[in-house]
């Protein structure tokens, strides 16, 4: 079973491996940056939280005024805290892995909509090496941008797969992805516009 899986997805696994390699080589210095600024505030809030369900009743800094609403971010950050404690190294490793996975799904989405591997590679590499992504990767407290983008790209990939295949599994995965993205960062509220565009363009194309 494992051998058939590896044979079937060999190209995708090699692509993922190469993207992970590029991300870790290019952003390796960020692993040693440690914590700073708002990172300590998030660690303090997380260390004092007794029930993760409370995150759904407060903003992302544990209050009820100002801030932003991101319960899934807090839950993920709590999981990181339970696993990594105050070892900043692993928080940065986690961020790089999420970044590489996002680039991989950018690649898959671009390949699916263009049917062109060159377009897919250019899209993934542009995503990886964009200058304005540096702070998102370097700063642990800005993980909501990283995580919301990851689940948003997952949504685009799975929803497109649903449109062209009509398989309910892809619809369910797309739904879970966008809910996660919305509960991490409000920017995901733009998804209805993309749903309309995907429906209009690809539904007509398939018909």
N, C-alpha and C. Protein backbone atom coordinates (compact mmCIF):
# COMPACT_ATOMS: atom_id res chain seq x y z
N UNK A 1 0.83 -1.21 0.00
CA UNK A 1 0.00 0.00 0.00
C UNK A 1 0.87 1.26 0.00
N UNK A 2 1.91 1.24 0.83
CA UNK A 2 2.80 2.40 0.90
C UNK A 2 3.51 2.62 -0.43
N UNK A 3 3.97 1.52 -1.04
CA UNK A 3 4.69 1.64 -2.31
C UNK A 3 3.79 2.19 -3.41
N UNK A 4 2.52 1.75 -3.43
CA UNK A 4 1.59 2.25 -4.44
C UNK A 4 1.28 3.73 -4.21
N UNK A 5 1.19 4.13 -2.94
CA UNK A 5 0.96 5.54 -2.61
C UNK A 5 2.13 6.39 -3.07
N UNK A 6 3.35 5.92 -2.78
CA UNK A 6 4.55 6.67 -3.17
C UNK A 6 4.67 6.77 -4.68
N UNK A 7 4.30 5.69 -5.37
CA UNK A 7 4.38 5.69 -6.83
C UNK A 7 3.36 6.65 -7.42
N UNK A 8 2.14 6.65 -6.85
CA UNK A 8 1.07 7.49 -7.37
C UNK A 8 1.35 8.97 -7.16
N UNK A 9 1.91 9.30 -6.00
CA UNK A 9 2.12 10.71 -5.65
C UNK A 9 3.60 11.10 -5.66
N UNK A 10 4.39 10.35 -6.37
CA UNK A 10 5.84 10.59 -6.39
C UNK A 10 6.18 12.02 -6.81
N UNK A 11 5.57 12.49 -7.88
CA UNK A 11 5.88 13.84 -8.37
C UNK A 11 5.50 14.91 -7.35
N UNK A 12 4.32 14.77 -6.76
CA UNK A 12 3.88 15.75 -5.76
C UNK A 12 4.76 15.72 -4.52
N UNK A 13 5.17 14.53 -4.10
CA UNK A 13 6.04 14.41 -2.93
C UNK A 13 7.40 15.03 -3.20
N UNK A 14 7.92 14.83 -4.40
CA UNK A 14 9.20 15.44 -4.76
C UNK A 14 9.08 16.96 -4.81
N UNK A 15 7.96 17.43 -5.34
CA UNK A 15 7.72 18.88 -5.38
C UNK A 15 7.65 19.46 -3.97
N UNK A 16 6.91 18.79 -3.10
CA UNK A 16 6.81 19.23 -1.71
C UNK A 16 8.17 19.24 -1.05
N UNK A 17 8.94 18.18 -1.26
CA UNK A 17 10.28 18.10 -0.67
C UNK A 17 11.18 19.24 -1.13
N UNK A 18 11.12 19.56 -2.42
CA UNK A 18 11.95 20.64 -2.95
C UNK A 18 11.52 21.99 -2.38
N UNK A 19 10.22 22.22 -2.27
CA UNK A 19 9.73 23.49 -1.71
C UNK A 19 10.10 23.63 -0.24
N UNK A 20 10.00 22.54 0.51
CA UNK A 20 10.42 22.56 1.92
C UNK A 20 11.91 22.88 2.01
N UNK A 21 12.70 22.26 1.15
CA UNK A 21 14.14 22.51 1.13
C UNK A 21 14.44 23.98 0.85
N UNK A 22 13.78 24.55 -0.16
CA UNK A 22 14.02 25.95 -0.51
C UNK A 22 13.63 26.90 0.62
N UNK A 23 12.50 26.63 1.25
CA UNK A 23 12.04 27.48 2.36
C UNK A 23 13.03 27.44 3.51
N UNK A 24 13.49 26.24 3.88
CA UNK A 24 14.38 26.12 5.02
C UNK A 24 15.77 26.69 4.72
N UNK A 25 16.23 26.56 3.49
CA UNK A 25 17.53 27.13 3.13
C UNK A 25 17.46 28.65 3.12
N UNK A 26 16.41 29.19 2.51
CA UNK A 26 16.30 30.64 2.35
C UNK A 26 16.01 31.34 3.67
N UNK A 27 15.19 30.71 4.51
CA UNK A 27 14.76 31.36 5.75
C UNK A 27 15.40 30.75 7.00
N UNK A 28 16.46 30.00 6.81
CA UNK A 28 17.13 29.36 7.94
C UNK A 28 17.51 30.34 9.05
N UNK A 29 18.01 31.55 8.74
CA UNK A 29 18.39 32.49 9.81
C UNK A 29 17.25 32.84 10.76
N UNK A 30 15.99 32.76 10.29
CA UNK A 30 14.87 33.15 11.15
C UNK A 30 14.68 32.17 12.31
N UNK A 31 15.19 30.96 12.17
CA UNK A 31 15.01 29.94 13.21
C UNK A 31 15.64 30.39 14.53
N UNK A 32 16.67 31.20 14.45
CA UNK A 32 17.43 31.60 15.64
C UNK A 32 17.08 33.00 16.14
N UNK A 33 15.97 33.56 15.66
CA UNK A 33 15.62 34.93 16.06
C UNK A 33 15.04 35.01 17.47
N UNK A 34 14.51 33.92 17.97
CA UNK A 34 13.94 33.92 19.32
C UNK A 34 12.58 34.60 19.36
N UNK A 35 12.15 34.96 20.57
CA UNK A 35 10.89 35.68 20.77
C UNK A 35 11.16 37.17 20.90
N UNK A 36 10.18 38.00 20.52
CA UNK A 36 10.27 39.42 20.80
C UNK A 36 8.88 40.04 20.72
N UNK A 37 8.77 41.22 21.35
CA UNK A 37 7.55 42.02 21.32
C UNK A 37 6.31 41.21 21.73
N UNK A 38 5.29 41.17 20.85
CA UNK A 38 4.01 40.55 21.19
C UNK A 38 4.09 39.05 21.43
N UNK A 39 5.19 38.43 21.04
CA UNK A 39 5.35 36.99 21.30
C UNK A 39 5.18 36.69 22.79
N UNK A 40 5.76 37.52 23.62
CA UNK A 40 5.70 37.30 25.07
C UNK A 40 4.28 37.46 25.60
N UNK A 41 3.53 38.39 25.01
CA UNK A 41 2.15 38.59 25.43
C UNK A 41 1.32 37.34 25.12
N UNK A 42 1.49 36.79 23.92
CA UNK A 42 0.77 35.58 23.55
C UNK A 42 1.16 34.41 24.46
N UNK A 43 2.43 34.30 24.77
CA UNK A 43 2.88 33.22 25.66
C UNK A 43 2.28 33.39 27.05
N UNK A 44 2.20 34.62 27.52
CA UNK A 44 1.62 34.89 28.84
C UNK A 44 0.14 34.51 28.87
N UNK A 45 -0.60 34.95 27.85
CA UNK A 45 -2.03 34.64 27.78
C UNK A 45 -2.25 33.13 27.71
N UNK A 46 -1.47 32.47 26.88
CA UNK A 46 -1.61 31.02 26.70
C UNK A 46 -1.29 30.27 27.98
N UNK A 47 -0.26 30.70 28.68
CA UNK A 47 0.16 30.00 29.90
C UNK A 47 -0.88 30.10 31.01
N UNK A 48 -1.75 31.12 30.94
CA UNK A 48 -2.76 31.33 31.99
C UNK A 48 -4.14 30.81 31.59
N UNK A 49 -4.27 30.27 30.38
CA UNK A 49 -5.57 29.81 29.90
C UNK A 49 -5.87 28.41 30.43
N UNK A 50 -7.02 28.26 31.09
CA UNK A 50 -7.39 26.96 31.66
C UNK A 50 -8.36 26.18 30.78
N UNK A 51 -9.03 26.88 29.86
CA UNK A 51 -10.02 26.22 29.01
C UNK A 51 -9.99 26.87 27.63
N UNK A 52 -9.60 26.10 26.62
CA UNK A 52 -9.47 26.67 25.27
C UNK A 52 -10.81 27.15 24.71
N UNK A 53 -11.92 26.64 25.24
CA UNK A 53 -13.23 27.09 24.76
C UNK A 53 -13.46 28.57 25.07
N UNK A 54 -12.74 29.09 26.07
CA UNK A 54 -12.85 30.52 26.39
C UNK A 54 -12.38 31.40 25.24
N UNK A 55 -11.54 30.85 24.38
CA UNK A 55 -11.04 31.63 23.25
C UNK A 55 -12.18 32.07 22.33
N UNK A 56 -13.27 31.31 22.31
CA UNK A 56 -14.39 31.67 21.45
C UNK A 56 -15.22 32.82 22.02
N UNK A 57 -14.92 33.21 23.26
CA UNK A 57 -15.67 34.27 23.92
C UNK A 57 -14.87 35.55 24.09
N UNK A 58 -13.60 35.53 23.67
CA UNK A 58 -12.74 36.69 23.83
C UNK A 58 -12.03 37.00 22.51
N UNK A 59 -11.30 38.13 22.49
CA UNK A 59 -10.49 38.41 21.31
C UNK A 59 -9.18 37.61 21.40
N UNK A 60 -8.30 37.82 20.44
CA UNK A 60 -7.10 36.97 20.38
C UNK A 60 -6.05 37.30 21.44
N UNK A 61 -6.30 38.34 22.24
CA UNK A 61 -5.37 38.63 23.34
C UNK A 61 -6.05 38.44 24.70
N UNK A 62 -7.17 37.72 24.69
CA UNK A 62 -7.81 37.36 25.94
C UNK A 62 -8.73 38.39 26.54
N UNK A 63 -9.04 39.46 25.81
CA UNK A 63 -9.92 40.51 26.32
C UNK A 63 -11.25 40.54 25.59
N UNK A 64 -12.07 41.53 25.93
CA UNK A 64 -13.37 41.65 25.26
C UNK A 64 -13.55 42.98 24.55
N UNK A 65 -12.48 43.77 24.47
CA UNK A 65 -12.52 45.01 23.70
C UNK A 65 -11.27 45.09 22.83
N UNK A 66 -11.41 45.74 21.68
CA UNK A 66 -10.32 45.91 20.72
C UNK A 66 -9.76 44.54 20.31
N UNK A 67 -8.55 44.52 19.79
CA UNK A 67 -7.96 43.27 19.33
C UNK A 67 -8.72 42.70 18.15
N UNK A 68 -8.45 41.46 17.79
CA UNK A 68 -9.15 40.78 16.71
C UNK A 68 -9.67 39.44 17.22
N UNK A 69 -10.62 38.89 16.49
CA UNK A 69 -11.24 37.63 16.90
C UNK A 69 -10.58 36.49 16.13
N UNK A 70 -9.92 35.58 16.85
CA UNK A 70 -9.24 34.47 16.20
C UNK A 70 -9.10 33.27 17.10
N UNK A 71 -10.22 32.63 17.46
CA UNK A 71 -10.14 31.50 18.41
C UNK A 71 -9.29 30.34 17.92
N UNK A 72 -9.34 30.05 16.61
CA UNK A 72 -8.53 28.93 16.11
C UNK A 72 -7.04 29.23 16.21
N UNK A 73 -6.68 30.51 16.03
CA UNK A 73 -5.28 30.90 16.21
C UNK A 73 -4.85 30.59 17.63
N UNK A 74 -5.67 30.99 18.61
CA UNK A 74 -5.32 30.77 20.01
C UNK A 74 -5.24 29.28 20.34
N UNK A 75 -6.12 28.49 19.76
CA UNK A 75 -6.09 27.05 20.00
C UNK A 75 -4.82 26.44 19.43
N UNK A 76 -4.46 26.85 18.21
CA UNK A 76 -3.22 26.34 17.60
C UNK A 76 -2.01 26.80 18.41
N UNK A 77 -2.03 28.06 18.85
CA UNK A 77 -0.91 28.58 19.63
C UNK A 77 -0.81 27.85 20.97
N UNK A 78 -1.96 27.50 21.55
CA UNK A 78 -1.96 26.74 22.80
C UNK A 78 -1.34 25.37 22.58
N UNK A 79 -1.68 24.73 21.46
CA UNK A 79 -1.08 23.43 21.14
C UNK A 79 0.43 23.55 20.99
N UNK A 80 0.88 24.63 20.34
CA UNK A 80 2.32 24.87 20.21
C UNK A 80 2.96 25.04 21.58
N UNK A 81 2.29 25.81 22.44
CA UNK A 81 2.84 26.05 23.78
C UNK A 81 2.95 24.75 24.57
N UNK A 82 1.93 23.90 24.47
CA UNK A 82 1.96 22.62 25.19
C UNK A 82 3.08 21.73 24.67
N UNK A 83 3.33 21.80 23.37
CA UNK A 83 4.37 20.96 22.76
C UNK A 83 5.77 21.53 22.94
N UNK A 84 5.89 22.85 22.77
CA UNK A 84 7.21 23.47 22.69
C UNK A 84 7.61 24.29 23.90
N UNK A 85 6.65 24.65 24.76
CA UNK A 85 6.99 25.48 25.91
C UNK A 85 7.56 26.81 25.49
N UNK A 86 8.72 27.15 26.04
CA UNK A 86 9.38 28.42 25.71
C UNK A 86 10.57 28.23 24.77
N UNK A 87 10.60 27.12 24.04
CA UNK A 87 11.68 26.86 23.09
C UNK A 87 11.32 27.49 21.74
N UNK A 88 11.78 28.70 21.52
CA UNK A 88 11.42 29.47 20.33
C UNK A 88 11.76 28.76 19.03
N UNK A 89 12.81 27.94 19.06
CA UNK A 89 13.28 27.25 17.86
C UNK A 89 12.14 26.50 17.17
N UNK A 90 11.34 25.78 17.95
CA UNK A 90 10.29 24.93 17.38
C UNK A 90 9.12 25.75 16.84
N UNK A 91 8.86 26.91 17.43
CA UNK A 91 7.81 27.79 16.90
C UNK A 91 8.18 28.26 15.49
N UNK A 92 9.46 28.59 15.31
CA UNK A 92 9.92 29.03 14.00
C UNK A 92 9.93 27.88 13.00
N UNK A 93 10.29 26.68 13.45
CA UNK A 93 10.24 25.51 12.58
C UNK A 93 8.81 25.26 12.11
N UNK A 94 7.88 25.34 13.05
CA UNK A 94 6.46 25.15 12.72
C UNK A 94 6.02 26.17 11.67
N UNK A 95 6.42 27.43 11.84
CA UNK A 95 6.06 28.47 10.88
C UNK A 95 6.61 28.19 9.50
N UNK A 96 7.84 27.71 9.42
CA UNK A 96 8.45 27.41 8.13
C UNK A 96 7.75 26.23 7.45
N UNK A 97 7.36 25.24 8.24
CA UNK A 97 6.64 24.09 7.67
C UNK A 97 5.30 24.53 7.08
N UNK A 98 4.57 25.37 7.82
CA UNK A 98 3.29 25.89 7.33
C UNK A 98 3.50 26.71 6.06
N UNK A 99 4.56 27.50 6.04
CA UNK A 99 4.86 28.34 4.88
C UNK A 99 5.16 27.47 3.66
N UNK A 100 5.94 26.41 3.85
CA UNK A 100 6.27 25.50 2.75
C UNK A 100 5.03 24.77 2.26
N UNK A 101 4.17 24.35 3.18
CA UNK A 101 2.92 23.68 2.78
C UNK A 101 2.01 24.63 2.00
N UNK A 102 1.99 25.89 2.39
CA UNK A 102 1.20 26.88 1.66
C UNK A 102 1.72 27.03 0.24
N UNK A 103 3.04 27.11 0.10
CA UNK A 103 3.65 27.20 -1.23
C UNK A 103 3.31 25.97 -2.07
N UNK A 104 3.27 24.81 -1.43
CA UNK A 104 2.94 23.57 -2.14
C UNK A 104 1.51 23.61 -2.67
N UNK A 105 0.57 24.09 -1.87
CA UNK A 105 -0.82 24.15 -2.34
C UNK A 105 -1.03 25.30 -3.32
N UNK A 106 -0.21 26.34 -3.24
CA UNK A 106 -0.21 27.35 -4.30
C UNK A 106 0.20 26.70 -5.62
N UNK A 107 1.22 25.85 -5.55
CA UNK A 107 1.69 25.12 -6.73
C UNK A 107 0.57 24.25 -7.31
N UNK A 108 -0.09 23.46 -6.44
CA UNK A 108 -1.14 22.55 -6.91
C UNK A 108 -2.32 23.32 -7.50
N UNK A 109 -2.72 24.39 -6.83
CA UNK A 109 -3.85 25.19 -7.31
C UNK A 109 -3.52 25.82 -8.66
N UNK A 110 -2.33 26.40 -8.76
CA UNK A 110 -1.92 27.04 -10.02
C UNK A 110 -1.81 26.01 -11.15
N UNK A 111 -1.31 24.83 -10.82
CA UNK A 111 -1.20 23.77 -11.84
C UNK A 111 -2.58 23.32 -12.31
N UNK A 112 -3.51 23.20 -11.37
CA UNK A 112 -4.85 22.73 -11.73
C UNK A 112 -5.62 23.73 -12.59
N UNK A 113 -5.46 25.01 -12.30
CA UNK A 113 -6.25 26.00 -13.05
C UNK A 113 -5.59 26.39 -14.37
N UNK A 114 -4.29 26.14 -14.49
CA UNK A 114 -3.57 26.54 -15.70
C UNK A 114 -3.18 25.36 -16.59
N UNK A 115 -3.15 24.16 -15.99
CA UNK A 115 -2.64 22.97 -16.70
C UNK A 115 -1.23 23.21 -17.23
N UNK A 116 -0.46 23.95 -16.46
CA UNK A 116 0.89 24.31 -16.89
C UNK A 116 1.82 24.26 -15.69
N UNK A 117 2.78 23.33 -15.71
CA UNK A 117 3.69 23.19 -14.57
C UNK A 117 4.59 24.40 -14.41
N UNK A 118 4.95 25.04 -15.50
CA UNK A 118 5.81 26.22 -15.41
C UNK A 118 5.09 27.34 -14.66
N UNK A 119 3.82 27.54 -14.97
CA UNK A 119 3.02 28.54 -14.26
C UNK A 119 2.94 28.19 -12.77
N UNK A 120 2.77 26.90 -12.49
CA UNK A 120 2.68 26.45 -11.10
C UNK A 120 3.98 26.72 -10.35
N UNK A 121 5.11 26.41 -10.97
CA UNK A 121 6.40 26.64 -10.32
C UNK A 121 6.67 28.13 -10.10
N UNK A 122 6.36 28.93 -11.10
CA UNK A 122 6.56 30.38 -10.96
C UNK A 122 5.69 30.92 -9.83
N UNK A 123 4.46 30.45 -9.74
CA UNK A 123 3.54 30.90 -8.68
C UNK A 123 4.07 30.53 -7.30
N UNK A 124 4.51 29.28 -7.15
CA UNK A 124 5.01 28.82 -5.86
C UNK A 124 6.28 29.56 -5.45
N UNK A 125 7.18 29.76 -6.42
CA UNK A 125 8.45 30.44 -6.11
C UNK A 125 8.23 31.92 -5.81
N UNK A 126 7.32 32.55 -6.53
CA UNK A 126 6.99 33.95 -6.22
C UNK A 126 6.44 34.06 -4.80
N UNK A 127 5.58 33.11 -4.43
CA UNK A 127 5.03 33.13 -3.08
C UNK A 127 6.14 32.99 -2.05
N UNK A 128 7.06 32.07 -2.27
CA UNK A 128 8.13 31.83 -1.30
C UNK A 128 9.03 33.04 -1.13
N UNK A 129 9.41 33.66 -2.24
CA UNK A 129 10.46 34.67 -2.19
C UNK A 129 9.95 36.11 -2.16
N UNK A 130 8.65 36.31 -2.02
CA UNK A 130 8.15 37.68 -1.90
C UNK A 130 8.72 38.35 -0.65
N UNK A 131 9.25 39.53 -0.82
CA UNK A 131 9.95 40.24 0.25
C UNK A 131 9.05 40.52 1.45
N UNK A 132 7.78 40.85 1.19
CA UNK A 132 6.91 41.25 2.30
C UNK A 132 6.44 40.07 3.15
N UNK A 133 6.86 38.85 2.83
CA UNK A 133 6.54 37.70 3.66
C UNK A 133 7.55 37.48 4.78
N UNK A 134 8.65 38.21 4.74
CA UNK A 134 9.74 37.97 5.69
C UNK A 134 9.30 38.15 7.14
N UNK A 135 8.57 39.23 7.43
CA UNK A 135 8.16 39.47 8.81
C UNK A 135 7.16 38.44 9.29
N UNK A 136 6.31 37.96 8.38
CA UNK A 136 5.32 36.94 8.74
C UNK A 136 5.99 35.66 9.20
N UNK A 137 7.11 35.33 8.59
CA UNK A 137 7.83 34.12 8.93
C UNK A 137 8.70 34.32 10.17
N UNK A 138 9.23 35.51 10.33
CA UNK A 138 10.20 35.77 11.39
C UNK A 138 9.57 36.01 12.76
N UNK A 139 8.34 36.48 12.77
CA UNK A 139 7.71 36.94 14.01
C UNK A 139 6.60 35.96 14.40
N UNK A 140 6.78 35.29 15.51
CA UNK A 140 5.83 34.26 15.95
C UNK A 140 4.43 34.84 16.15
N UNK A 141 4.33 36.04 16.69
CA UNK A 141 3.03 36.65 16.97
C UNK A 141 2.23 36.98 15.71
N UNK A 142 2.88 36.95 14.55
CA UNK A 142 2.17 37.23 13.29
C UNK A 142 1.78 35.92 12.61
N UNK A 143 1.83 34.83 13.33
CA UNK A 143 1.37 33.55 12.77
C UNK A 143 -0.06 33.58 12.24
N UNK A 144 -0.96 34.44 12.77
CA UNK A 144 -2.31 34.45 12.18
C UNK A 144 -2.31 34.72 10.69
N UNK A 145 -1.42 35.58 10.20
CA UNK A 145 -1.32 35.84 8.76
C UNK A 145 -0.90 34.57 8.03
N UNK A 146 0.07 33.88 8.59
CA UNK A 146 0.60 32.66 7.99
C UNK A 146 -0.45 31.56 7.95
N UNK A 147 -1.10 31.33 9.09
CA UNK A 147 -2.06 30.24 9.20
C UNK A 147 -3.34 30.53 8.41
N UNK A 148 -3.81 31.77 8.46
CA UNK A 148 -5.02 32.13 7.71
C UNK A 148 -4.78 31.97 6.21
N UNK A 149 -3.60 32.35 5.75
CA UNK A 149 -3.25 32.19 4.34
C UNK A 149 -3.21 30.72 3.95
N UNK A 150 -2.62 29.89 4.81
CA UNK A 150 -2.54 28.45 4.55
C UNK A 150 -3.93 27.85 4.35
N UNK A 151 -4.83 28.11 5.28
CA UNK A 151 -6.17 27.53 5.17
C UNK A 151 -6.98 28.16 4.04
N UNK A 152 -6.69 29.42 3.72
CA UNK A 152 -7.37 30.08 2.61
C UNK A 152 -6.96 29.45 1.28
N UNK A 153 -5.67 29.19 1.13
CA UNK A 153 -5.18 28.53 -0.09
C UNK A 153 -5.73 27.10 -0.17
N UNK A 154 -5.79 26.42 0.98
CA UNK A 154 -6.41 25.09 1.01
C UNK A 154 -7.85 25.16 0.51
N UNK A 155 -8.58 26.17 0.97
CA UNK A 155 -9.96 26.36 0.52
C UNK A 155 -10.03 26.50 -1.00
N UNK A 156 -9.17 27.36 -1.57
CA UNK A 156 -9.17 27.56 -3.02
C UNK A 156 -8.90 26.25 -3.75
N UNK A 157 -7.92 25.50 -3.26
CA UNK A 157 -7.56 24.24 -3.90
C UNK A 157 -8.71 23.24 -3.84
N UNK A 158 -9.27 23.02 -2.65
CA UNK A 158 -10.33 22.02 -2.50
C UNK A 158 -11.63 22.45 -3.19
N UNK A 159 -11.94 23.75 -3.14
CA UNK A 159 -13.18 24.20 -3.79
C UNK A 159 -13.08 24.04 -5.30
N UNK A 160 -11.92 24.35 -5.85
CA UNK A 160 -11.73 24.14 -7.29
C UNK A 160 -11.85 22.67 -7.64
N UNK A 161 -11.28 21.80 -6.80
CA UNK A 161 -11.39 20.35 -7.03
C UNK A 161 -12.86 19.91 -6.99
N UNK A 162 -13.62 20.51 -6.08
CA UNK A 162 -15.04 20.18 -6.00
C UNK A 162 -15.78 20.61 -7.27
N UNK A 163 -15.48 21.80 -7.77
CA UNK A 163 -16.15 22.31 -8.96
C UNK A 163 -15.91 21.40 -10.16
N UNK A 164 -14.69 20.91 -10.32
CA UNK A 164 -14.38 20.12 -11.51
C UNK A 164 -14.69 18.64 -11.34
N UNK A 165 -14.92 18.19 -10.11
CA UNK A 165 -15.17 16.76 -9.89
C UNK A 165 -16.55 16.46 -9.29
N UNK A 166 -17.16 17.47 -8.65
CA UNK A 166 -18.46 17.32 -7.96
C UNK A 166 -18.41 16.30 -6.83
N UNK A 167 -17.23 16.05 -6.28
CA UNK A 167 -17.09 15.12 -5.16
C UNK A 167 -17.33 15.87 -3.85
N UNK A 168 -18.25 15.35 -3.05
CA UNK A 168 -18.62 16.02 -1.81
C UNK A 168 -17.47 16.13 -0.82
N UNK A 169 -16.53 15.18 -0.88
CA UNK A 169 -15.38 15.22 0.02
C UNK A 169 -14.62 16.52 -0.13
N UNK A 170 -14.41 16.96 -1.36
CA UNK A 170 -13.68 18.20 -1.60
C UNK A 170 -14.47 19.41 -1.08
N UNK A 171 -15.80 19.34 -1.19
CA UNK A 171 -16.63 20.43 -0.67
C UNK A 171 -16.51 20.52 0.84
N UNK A 172 -16.53 19.38 1.51
CA UNK A 172 -16.41 19.35 2.97
C UNK A 172 -15.04 19.86 3.40
N UNK A 173 -13.99 19.43 2.71
CA UNK A 173 -12.64 19.90 3.03
C UNK A 173 -12.51 21.40 2.80
N UNK A 174 -13.13 21.89 1.73
CA UNK A 174 -13.11 23.34 1.45
C UNK A 174 -13.84 24.09 2.55
N UNK A 175 -14.96 23.55 3.00
CA UNK A 175 -15.74 24.20 4.05
C UNK A 175 -14.96 24.29 5.35
N UNK A 176 -14.34 23.18 5.75
CA UNK A 176 -13.53 23.18 6.96
C UNK A 176 -12.37 24.16 6.84
N UNK A 177 -11.75 24.21 5.68
CA UNK A 177 -10.60 25.09 5.47
C UNK A 177 -10.97 26.55 5.63
N UNK A 178 -12.10 26.96 5.04
CA UNK A 178 -12.46 28.37 5.12
C UNK A 178 -12.94 28.74 6.52
N UNK A 179 -13.58 27.81 7.22
CA UNK A 179 -13.99 28.08 8.61
C UNK A 179 -12.76 28.29 9.48
N UNK A 180 -11.75 27.43 9.31
CA UNK A 180 -10.50 27.60 10.05
C UNK A 180 -9.87 28.94 9.73
N UNK A 181 -9.84 29.30 8.45
CA UNK A 181 -9.22 30.56 8.05
C UNK A 181 -9.97 31.75 8.65
N UNK A 182 -11.30 31.71 8.63
CA UNK A 182 -12.11 32.79 9.18
C UNK A 182 -11.91 32.93 10.69
N UNK A 183 -11.74 31.81 11.38
CA UNK A 183 -11.56 31.84 12.83
C UNK A 183 -10.11 32.07 13.24
N UNK A 184 -9.27 32.37 12.26
CA UNK A 184 -7.89 32.76 12.54
C UNK A 184 -7.67 34.23 12.23
N UNK A 185 -8.17 34.68 11.09
CA UNK A 185 -7.95 36.08 10.67
C UNK A 185 -9.14 36.54 9.82
N UNK A 186 -9.64 37.74 10.12
CA UNK A 186 -10.85 38.22 9.45
C UNK A 186 -10.67 38.44 7.96
N UNK A 187 -9.44 38.54 7.48
CA UNK A 187 -9.21 38.79 6.06
C UNK A 187 -9.84 37.72 5.19
N UNK A 188 -10.07 36.53 5.76
CA UNK A 188 -10.67 35.43 4.99
C UNK A 188 -12.12 35.72 4.60
N UNK A 189 -12.70 36.81 5.11
CA UNK A 189 -14.08 37.16 4.78
C UNK A 189 -14.22 37.47 3.30
N UNK A 190 -13.12 37.64 2.60
CA UNK A 190 -13.15 37.92 1.16
C UNK A 190 -13.49 36.68 0.34
N UNK A 191 -13.63 35.52 0.99
CA UNK A 191 -13.81 34.28 0.23
C UNK A 191 -15.06 34.26 -0.65
N UNK A 192 -16.20 34.90 -0.29
CA UNK A 192 -17.37 34.82 -1.19
C UNK A 192 -17.08 35.33 -2.60
N UNK A 193 -16.27 36.39 -2.69
CA UNK A 193 -15.95 36.93 -4.02
C UNK A 193 -15.19 35.90 -4.85
N UNK A 194 -14.28 35.17 -4.21
CA UNK A 194 -13.52 34.16 -4.93
C UNK A 194 -14.38 32.96 -5.29
N UNK A 195 -15.33 32.63 -4.43
CA UNK A 195 -16.27 31.55 -4.75
C UNK A 195 -17.05 31.88 -6.03
N UNK A 196 -17.52 33.13 -6.11
CA UNK A 196 -18.27 33.56 -7.30
C UNK A 196 -17.40 33.47 -8.54
N UNK A 197 -16.15 33.94 -8.44
CA UNK A 197 -15.25 33.90 -9.59
C UNK A 197 -14.94 32.47 -10.03
N UNK A 198 -14.67 31.60 -9.06
CA UNK A 198 -14.37 30.20 -9.38
C UNK A 198 -15.59 29.54 -10.02
N UNK A 199 -16.77 29.80 -9.45
CA UNK A 199 -18.00 29.22 -10.01
C UNK A 199 -18.24 29.70 -11.44
N UNK A 200 -18.10 31.01 -11.64
CA UNK A 200 -18.38 31.57 -12.97
C UNK A 200 -17.40 31.05 -14.01
N UNK A 201 -16.12 31.07 -13.68
CA UNK A 201 -15.11 30.72 -14.67
C UNK A 201 -15.03 29.22 -14.91
N UNK A 202 -14.92 28.45 -13.83
CA UNK A 202 -14.65 27.02 -14.00
C UNK A 202 -15.90 26.21 -14.26
N UNK A 203 -17.06 26.66 -13.76
CA UNK A 203 -18.30 25.95 -14.08
C UNK A 203 -18.60 26.07 -15.57
N UNK A 204 -18.41 27.27 -16.12
CA UNK A 204 -18.61 27.47 -17.55
C UNK A 204 -17.58 26.69 -18.36
N UNK A 205 -16.35 26.65 -17.85
CA UNK A 205 -15.29 25.97 -18.57
C UNK A 205 -15.56 24.47 -18.65
N UNK A 206 -16.03 23.90 -17.51
CA UNK A 206 -16.30 22.47 -17.49
C UNK A 206 -17.52 22.10 -18.33
N UNK A 207 -18.51 23.01 -18.37
CA UNK A 207 -19.70 22.73 -19.16
C UNK A 207 -19.45 22.92 -20.66
